[in-house]
Protein backbone atom coordinates (compact mmCIF):
# COMPACT_ATOMS: atom_id res chain seq x y z
CA MET A 1 -3.99 11.60 23.43
CA ALA A 2 -0.74 11.04 21.55
CA VAL A 3 2.16 13.47 21.37
CA PHE A 4 5.22 12.86 19.19
CA LEU A 5 8.29 14.63 20.52
CA PRO A 6 10.26 16.88 18.16
CA LYS A 7 12.11 14.95 15.49
CA ARG A 8 14.86 16.27 13.27
CA TRP A 9 14.45 15.88 9.49
CA LEU A 10 17.25 16.73 7.10
CA VAL A 11 15.54 17.58 3.82
CA GLY A 12 17.77 18.84 1.03
CA ALA A 13 20.35 21.42 1.98
CA GLY A 14 20.01 23.79 4.91
CA SER A 15 19.00 23.36 8.55
CA PRO A 16 17.17 20.26 9.84
CA VAL A 17 13.37 20.41 10.21
CA ARG A 18 11.93 19.82 13.69
CA LEU A 19 8.37 18.48 13.95
CA VAL A 20 5.80 18.09 16.72
CA LEU A 21 2.69 15.92 16.19
CA SER A 22 -0.16 15.66 18.73
CA GLY A 23 -3.69 14.30 18.70
CA LEU A 24 -6.79 14.03 20.89
CA ARG A 25 -9.68 11.70 20.03
CA ALA A 26 -13.21 11.35 21.47
CA LEU A 27 -15.48 8.41 20.52
CA ASN A 28 -19.09 7.89 21.59
CA ARG A 29 -20.67 4.46 21.17
CA LEU A 30 -24.41 5.03 20.96
CA ARG A 31 -26.89 2.66 22.56
CA ALA A 32 -27.43 -0.37 20.35
CA SER A 33 -30.76 -1.88 19.37
CA PHE A 34 -31.86 -4.90 17.35
CA LEU A 35 -32.18 -2.89 14.13
CA LEU A 36 -29.13 -0.70 14.82
CA PRO A 37 -26.62 -3.02 16.58
CA SER A 38 -23.64 -0.72 16.02
CA ARG A 39 -23.67 3.06 16.13
CA SER A 40 -20.74 5.30 16.91
CA ALA A 41 -19.56 8.82 16.22
CA GLY A 42 -16.21 10.39 16.95
CA LEU A 43 -14.08 13.45 16.53
CA ARG A 44 -10.31 13.68 16.39
CA PHE A 45 -8.41 16.92 16.89
CA ALA A 46 -4.79 16.93 15.73
CA THR A 47 -2.01 19.47 15.43
CA TYR A 48 1.14 19.42 13.35
CA ARG A 49 3.82 21.98 13.91
CA VAL A 50 7.11 22.69 12.23
CA ILE A 51 9.04 24.50 14.96
CA HIS A 52 9.67 28.18 14.18
CA GLN A 53 7.90 27.87 10.80
CA ILE A 54 4.26 26.77 10.53
CA ASN A 55 1.38 25.25 12.49
CA TYR A 56 -1.57 23.17 11.21
CA GLN A 57 -4.72 22.17 13.10
CA PHE A 58 -7.10 19.44 11.94
CA VAL A 59 -10.64 18.43 12.90
CA GLU A 60 -11.40 14.89 11.73
CA PRO A 61 -15.02 13.69 12.13
CA ARG A 62 -15.97 10.05 11.67
CA PHE A 63 -19.06 7.91 12.20
CA LEU A 64 -20.29 4.33 11.80
CA LEU A 65 -23.91 3.23 11.42
CA GLY A 66 -24.91 -0.44 11.37
CA TYR A 67 -28.37 -1.72 10.41
CA LYS A 68 -29.51 -5.32 10.98
CA LEU A 69 -31.52 -6.52 7.99
CA THR A 70 -32.21 -10.03 9.33
CA PRO A 71 -30.83 -12.08 12.25
CA LEU A 72 -28.08 -13.28 9.88
CA SER A 73 -27.36 -10.21 7.75
CA SER A 74 -26.49 -6.57 8.33
CA ILE A 75 -25.30 -3.46 6.52
CA LYS A 76 -22.85 -0.79 7.72
CA VAL A 77 -22.14 2.74 6.50
CA ALA A 78 -19.00 4.61 7.60
CA TYR A 79 -17.38 7.97 6.96
CA ALA A 80 -13.96 9.26 8.03
CA ARG A 81 -11.81 12.32 7.36
CA MET A 82 -8.05 11.88 7.72
CA ASN A 83 -4.99 14.13 7.41
CA GLN A 84 -1.37 13.07 6.92
CA PRO A 85 1.47 15.58 7.38
CA LEU A 86 4.13 13.22 5.95
CA HIS A 87 4.27 12.83 2.17
CA LEU A 88 5.41 9.68 0.37
CA VAL A 89 7.12 10.36 -2.97
CA THR A 90 7.93 7.47 -5.32
CA ASN A 91 10.25 7.48 -8.33
CA PRO A 92 8.38 7.89 -11.64
CA GLY A 93 9.21 5.85 -14.71
CA PHE A 94 11.29 2.68 -14.68
CA GLY A 95 14.24 1.79 -12.48
CA ILE A 96 14.52 0.92 -8.81
CA PRO A 97 11.35 2.17 -7.00
CA VAL A 98 12.90 4.41 -4.35
CA ASP A 99 10.39 5.77 -1.80
CA LEU A 100 11.15 8.90 0.22
CA TRP A 101 9.14 10.49 3.05
CA PHE A 102 9.02 14.27 3.43
CA PRO A 103 7.29 16.43 6.06
CA ALA A 104 4.73 19.02 4.97
CA ASN A 105 6.45 22.38 5.11
CA GLY A 106 5.82 25.80 3.62
CA PRO A 107 3.89 25.64 0.31
CA ILE A 108 3.30 21.87 0.55
CA LYS A 109 0.29 21.35 2.80
CA PRO A 110 -0.60 18.06 4.58
CA GLN A 111 -2.59 15.52 2.63
CA GLN A 112 -6.31 15.19 3.34
CA SER A 113 -8.83 12.48 2.47
CA ASP A 114 -12.56 11.89 2.89
CA GLN A 115 -13.72 8.28 2.65
CA VAL A 116 -17.20 6.76 2.56
CA SER A 117 -17.76 2.99 2.69
CA VAL A 118 -20.79 0.71 2.62
CA ALA A 119 -20.50 -2.94 3.71
CA TYR A 120 -22.94 -5.86 3.63
CA SER A 121 -22.31 -9.06 5.60
CA ARG A 122 -24.24 -12.30 5.92
CA ASP A 123 -23.75 -15.58 7.80
CA MET A 124 -24.67 -18.69 5.85
CA VAL A 125 -24.93 -22.33 6.91
CA VAL A 126 -24.21 -24.99 4.30
CA GLY A 127 -24.99 -28.47 5.55
CA ALA A 128 -24.65 -29.31 9.23
CA THR A 129 -21.04 -28.30 9.89
CA HIS A 130 -20.13 -25.71 7.27
CA GLN A 131 -20.59 -22.10 8.30
CA LEU A 132 -19.70 -19.38 5.79
CA GLU A 133 -19.44 -15.62 6.24
CA LEU A 134 -19.92 -13.42 3.19
CA SER A 135 -19.09 -9.72 3.13
CA VAL A 136 -19.24 -7.21 0.28
CA GLU A 137 -17.85 -3.70 0.75
CA GLY A 138 -17.59 -0.69 -1.53
CA TYR A 139 -15.65 2.50 -0.86
CA TYR A 140 -14.95 5.91 -2.35
CA LYS A 141 -12.09 8.17 -1.25
CA LYS A 142 -11.33 11.74 -2.29
CA MET A 143 -7.76 12.97 -1.73
CA SER A 144 -6.23 16.43 -1.90
CA ASN A 145 -2.71 17.88 -1.53
CA ILE A 146 -1.04 14.69 -2.77
CA VAL A 147 2.46 15.09 -4.20
CA ALA A 148 4.54 13.70 -7.08
CA TYR A 149 7.88 14.52 -8.70
CA ARG A 150 7.83 17.09 -11.45
CA ASP A 151 8.84 15.89 -14.92
CA GLY A 152 12.59 15.35 -15.10
CA HIS A 153 13.04 14.85 -11.35
CA SER A 154 13.42 11.77 -9.13
CA SER A 155 15.06 10.61 -5.92
CA GLN A 156 18.45 11.29 -7.55
CA ASP A 157 17.83 14.97 -6.83
CA PHE A 158 18.54 14.21 -3.17
CA THR A 159 21.85 12.39 -3.53
CA MET A 160 24.94 14.12 -2.19
CA LEU A 161 26.24 14.73 -5.72
CA SER A 162 23.02 16.32 -6.95
CA GLN A 163 22.18 18.64 -4.09
CA GLY A 164 22.89 22.29 -4.59
CA SER A 165 23.41 24.87 -1.91
CA SER A 166 19.75 25.88 -2.04
CA ARG A 167 18.06 22.59 -3.04
CA ARG A 168 14.67 22.14 -1.37
CA TRP A 169 12.34 19.19 -1.83
CA GLU A 170 9.39 21.54 -2.40
CA ALA A 171 11.06 22.69 -5.65
CA VAL A 172 11.05 19.26 -7.32
CA VAL A 173 7.49 18.13 -6.49
CA THR A 174 4.04 19.36 -7.43
CA THR A 175 0.67 18.96 -5.70
CA GLY A 176 -2.59 17.55 -7.03
CA GLN A 177 -5.65 15.56 -6.14
CA GLY A 178 -6.86 12.02 -6.49
CA THR A 179 -9.72 9.57 -6.14
CA ALA A 180 -9.76 5.93 -5.12
CA TYR A 181 -12.76 3.65 -5.30
CA GLY A 182 -13.56 -0.02 -5.55
CA ALA A 183 -15.28 -3.04 -4.04
CA GLU A 184 -14.20 -6.13 -2.11
CA VAL A 185 -15.85 -9.55 -1.82
CA PHE A 186 -14.74 -11.72 1.10
CA LEU A 187 -15.94 -15.28 1.72
CA GLN A 188 -14.69 -17.11 4.83
CA LYS A 189 -15.23 -20.70 5.92
CA LYS A 190 -14.95 -20.94 9.70
CA GLN A 191 -16.00 -24.51 10.46
CA GLY A 192 -15.29 -27.96 9.13
CA ARG A 193 -12.06 -29.81 8.48
CA LEU A 194 -10.94 -27.35 5.82
CA THR A 195 -11.05 -23.66 6.79
CA GLY A 196 -9.87 -20.53 5.03
CA TRP A 197 -11.10 -17.65 2.93
CA LEU A 198 -11.38 -16.24 -0.57
CA GLY A 199 -10.98 -12.51 -1.20
CA TYR A 200 -11.33 -10.47 -4.37
CA THR A 201 -10.88 -6.71 -4.77
CA VAL A 202 -11.40 -4.54 -7.83
CA SER A 203 -10.21 -0.96 -7.42
CA TRP A 204 -9.14 2.23 -9.17
CA THR A 205 -6.71 4.91 -7.95
CA ILE A 206 -6.58 7.99 -10.19
CA HIS A 207 -4.35 11.07 -9.72
CA GLN A 208 -4.55 14.46 -11.41
CA PHE A 209 -1.88 17.19 -11.40
CA ASP A 210 -2.12 20.43 -13.36
CA GLU A 211 1.63 20.30 -14.10
CA LEU A 212 1.84 16.60 -15.07
CA ASN A 213 0.52 14.62 -18.03
CA GLN A 214 -0.85 17.82 -19.60
CA GLY A 215 -3.30 18.08 -16.72
CA LYS A 216 -5.06 14.83 -17.67
CA PRO A 217 -5.86 12.20 -14.98
CA PHE A 218 -3.72 9.06 -14.91
CA ALA A 219 -3.54 5.78 -13.00
CA ALA A 220 -1.46 6.07 -9.82
CA ARG A 221 1.32 3.63 -9.01
CA GLN A 222 -0.93 2.19 -6.28
CA ASP A 223 -3.58 1.33 -8.89
CA ARG A 224 -3.96 -2.45 -9.05
CA ARG A 225 -7.14 -3.32 -10.88
CA HIS A 226 -7.60 -6.87 -9.58
CA ASP A 227 -6.41 -8.47 -6.33
CA VAL A 228 -7.20 -12.09 -5.47
CA SER A 229 -6.20 -14.07 -2.36
CA VAL A 230 -7.03 -17.68 -1.53
CA VAL A 231 -6.09 -19.18 1.86
CA GLY A 232 -6.64 -22.79 2.97
CA ILE A 233 -5.87 -24.45 6.33
CA TYR A 234 -6.22 -28.22 6.64
CA PRO A 235 -5.35 -30.35 9.73
CA ILE A 236 -4.02 -33.70 8.53
CA SER A 237 -4.09 -35.15 12.07
CA LYS A 238 -4.02 -33.96 15.65
CA ARG A 239 -0.36 -32.93 15.28
CA TRP A 240 0.08 -32.27 11.57
CA SER A 241 -1.48 -29.49 9.49
CA ILE A 242 -0.87 -27.90 6.11
CA ASN A 243 -1.53 -24.33 4.94
CA GLY A 244 -1.54 -22.74 1.52
CA THR A 245 -1.87 -19.14 0.28
CA TRP A 246 -2.19 -18.05 -3.35
CA ILE A 247 -2.28 -14.38 -4.35
CA TYR A 248 -2.71 -12.58 -7.66
CA GLN A 249 -2.35 -8.85 -8.37
CA THR A 250 -2.63 -6.81 -11.53
CA GLY A 251 0.68 -5.17 -12.45
CA GLN A 252 1.45 -1.64 -11.29
CA PRO A 253 1.26 1.28 -13.77
CA VAL A 254 4.64 2.49 -15.00
CA THR A 255 5.97 5.14 -17.38
CA LEU A 256 8.19 3.73 -20.14
CA PRO A 257 9.85 5.45 -23.12
CA GLN A 258 7.98 5.10 -26.40
CA ALA A 259 10.98 5.93 -28.57
CA VAL A 260 14.76 6.28 -28.22
CA TYR A 261 16.82 8.63 -30.40
CA GLY A 262 20.58 8.78 -30.85
CA GLN A 263 22.12 12.18 -30.14
CA VAL A 264 24.89 13.50 -32.39
CA ASN A 265 27.36 16.07 -31.09
CA VAL A 266 29.76 18.28 -33.03
CA ASN A 267 33.40 18.15 -31.96
CA ILE A 268 34.55 21.81 -32.05
CA PHE A 269 38.22 20.80 -32.17
CA THR A 270 38.00 18.48 -35.17
CA ASN A 271 34.82 19.91 -36.71
CA ARG A 272 33.47 16.38 -37.05
CA LEU A 273 30.27 14.73 -35.96
CA ASP A 274 30.39 12.51 -32.90
CA PRO A 275 27.70 9.80 -33.25
CA TYR A 276 28.11 8.70 -29.62
CA GLY A 277 26.66 11.75 -27.94
CA GLY A 278 24.14 9.80 -25.87
CA VAL A 279 20.47 9.02 -26.30
CA LEU A 280 17.20 10.91 -25.92
CA PHE A 281 13.94 9.34 -24.72
CA THR A 282 10.42 10.22 -25.81
CA TYR A 283 7.70 9.48 -23.29
CA GLY A 284 3.96 9.26 -23.79
CA GLU A 285 1.31 9.73 -21.15
CA ARG A 286 2.26 9.16 -17.52
CA ASN A 287 1.83 5.58 -16.26
CA SER A 288 0.41 4.47 -19.62
CA TYR A 289 2.00 1.00 -19.34
CA ARG A 290 1.54 -1.76 -16.78
CA MET A 291 4.03 -4.19 -15.35
CA LYS A 292 3.30 -7.90 -15.67
CA ALA A 293 0.83 -9.34 -13.20
CA THR A 294 2.27 -10.86 -10.03
CA HIS A 295 1.16 -14.12 -8.46
CA ARG A 296 2.69 -16.75 -6.20
CA LEU A 297 1.88 -19.74 -3.99
CA ASP A 298 3.13 -20.06 -0.40
CA VAL A 299 2.78 -23.43 1.33
CA SER A 300 3.77 -24.66 4.77
CA ILE A 301 3.42 -27.79 6.88
CA GLN A 302 3.47 -27.78 10.68
CA ARG A 303 3.93 -30.43 13.35
CA LYS A 304 2.79 -29.63 16.87
CA THR A 305 4.45 -31.22 19.89
CA THR A 306 3.20 -30.99 23.48
CA HIS A 307 5.51 -30.98 26.46
CA LYS A 308 5.22 -30.60 30.18
CA TRP A 309 6.14 -26.89 30.04
CA GLY A 310 4.48 -25.84 26.80
CA VAL A 311 3.71 -26.46 23.13
CA GLY A 312 6.26 -26.52 20.31
CA GLN A 313 5.74 -26.26 16.58
CA LEU A 314 8.11 -27.28 13.80
CA GLU A 315 7.31 -25.62 10.47
CA LEU A 316 8.65 -26.17 6.98
CA SER A 317 7.51 -23.48 4.54
CA MET A 318 8.06 -22.66 0.90
CA TYR A 319 7.71 -19.06 -0.31
CA ASN A 320 6.80 -18.76 -4.01
CA ALA A 321 6.55 -22.53 -4.36
CA TYR A 322 6.39 -22.63 -8.18
CA ASN A 323 9.23 -20.09 -8.55
CA ARG A 324 7.27 -17.34 -10.29
CA LYS A 325 9.55 -14.51 -11.52
CA ASN A 326 7.46 -11.53 -10.48
CA PRO A 327 8.83 -8.21 -11.80
CA TYR A 328 10.13 -5.81 -9.14
CA PHE A 329 11.25 -3.06 -11.50
CA TYR A 330 12.11 -2.51 -15.18
CA TYR A 331 15.30 -1.09 -16.67
CA LEU A 332 16.58 -0.19 -20.13
CA ALA A 333 19.09 -2.79 -21.28
CA LEU A 334 21.52 -2.88 -24.20
CA GLY A 335 19.80 -2.59 -27.53
CA ASN A 336 17.25 -0.22 -25.99
CA THR A 337 15.10 -3.09 -24.75
CA VAL A 338 13.14 -3.01 -21.49
CA LYS A 339 13.88 -5.88 -19.11
CA ALA A 340 12.45 -6.86 -15.75
CA VAL A 341 14.30 -7.60 -12.51
CA SER A 342 12.75 -10.17 -10.18
CA LEU A 343 13.49 -10.57 -6.49
CA PHE A 344 12.63 -13.24 -3.93
CA GLN A 345 11.95 -16.29 -6.06
CA ILE A 346 11.46 -19.66 -4.38
CA ILE A 347 12.63 -19.48 -0.73
CA PRO A 348 12.43 -22.52 1.62
CA SER A 349 12.64 -22.04 5.37
CA LEU A 350 12.59 -24.17 8.52
CA SER A 351 11.59 -22.80 11.91
CA TYR A 352 10.71 -23.99 15.40
CA THR A 353 8.70 -22.08 18.00
CA PHE A 354 7.95 -22.98 21.59
CA ASN A 355 5.21 -21.42 23.76
CA ILE A 356 5.61 -21.86 27.51
CA TYR A 357 2.52 -22.42 29.62
CA THR A 358 1.79 -19.40 31.82
CA GLY A 359 -1.38 -20.73 33.44
CA LYS A 360 -3.21 -23.99 33.70
CA LYS A 361 -2.18 -26.55 31.10
CA PRO A 362 -4.95 -26.85 28.47
CA THR A 363 -6.56 -30.22 27.93
CA GLU A 364 -6.23 -31.82 24.52
C-alpha cells in the first residue's frame, strides 16, 4: 500500500491545490505447470483526492498468461488497466518544448488506458558457444481523457506576465482520446567473446480531439515510427573492454507554419499605412511535419584494476562520437526560414569508480 501525503500545487491564479494519492494492490501467482509456466492475476485499488474539491476511485485489473510452446520457446499474453491523475502538457508547434504537469481537477478527469500485449520468445544456440535469445512483442493501448493545449495557447499562458486574475489551466486545454500500437523485435547474444543486443521497434501513437485539427486524428508528439538500438560489449583482455551503442529514431511530429503574411496597419495620426505591423502565420493540419531523424554513436573503453580492498574501473567515454547535430527544437529565423537548434553534440568524459569488498574477495 502506498500513500502520498498532501502536496501543494500552484496552478494558475488562486489558491494552491492539495492532493492525496493512495493505492492498494493484490497479486496472485497461480500454480505453474509445464505448459503454463507463468500465470498471475492482480487487482489494484487506488484513490485520488483533491482536498475539499473532488475524489476519484479506480479499480485496475491486470493479468499475465504464459504458455510454453516447446522447451525453448514460449508465448505470453498480458492485459493491464492504468489510471494517471497527473497530466503532461507539451507545447504545440515549434519552439522550445516546454513540458508542464497538472493535476486532474474539476472538469479534467484522470487519464485512463487499457493495454493488451502478446510476446513470443525463443532461445537459440548457434554453434557451441553462441546462445541467442529472440523475442517479438506486439501491443495495443487505448487511452482516454488525454489533454492538449487548445489552438492559440501554450506554456506562455502560465508565465507571470500572462496570468490573469482568474486564469485556470482547465481553460486552455481540451480533452480527447488516443491509441498506441506497435511491435518490437529484440535479439540478444549472451555468450561468447562479443555480447550485446539488437532492438527494433515500429510504433504509432495517434490522438484525436474534437476541438483540434477539425476533429481529425493526428500523430502525437510521442509518435516515433522507427526506433533502432545496437549495443556491443567486447573484452579486449582480462582488464580492458570496449562498449559501443548506436541508436536511431524517426523524428518527432511537429506543427510548422505553411505560409507567412505581412500585416499592414493604418496609422490614425498620419493616415498612412504602416508596413511593419507584424506577421501572420497560416498553419495546416496539426503535427503534419516531422523533425529530422536522430541518431548517434556512444563509445567507451574501460580498464579494471584489482586491489586488496576492492575493484576500480577507469572509463573513457565519448557521447555522440561522430558529432551528429540532432535537432532539439525548431524556430522561425530571419527571412521566415525554419532552423533547427541542436544540443549535446560530441561530449568526452573521464571517470573512475571504486567498489569496496563487503564480503569474501572473489577469485579471478
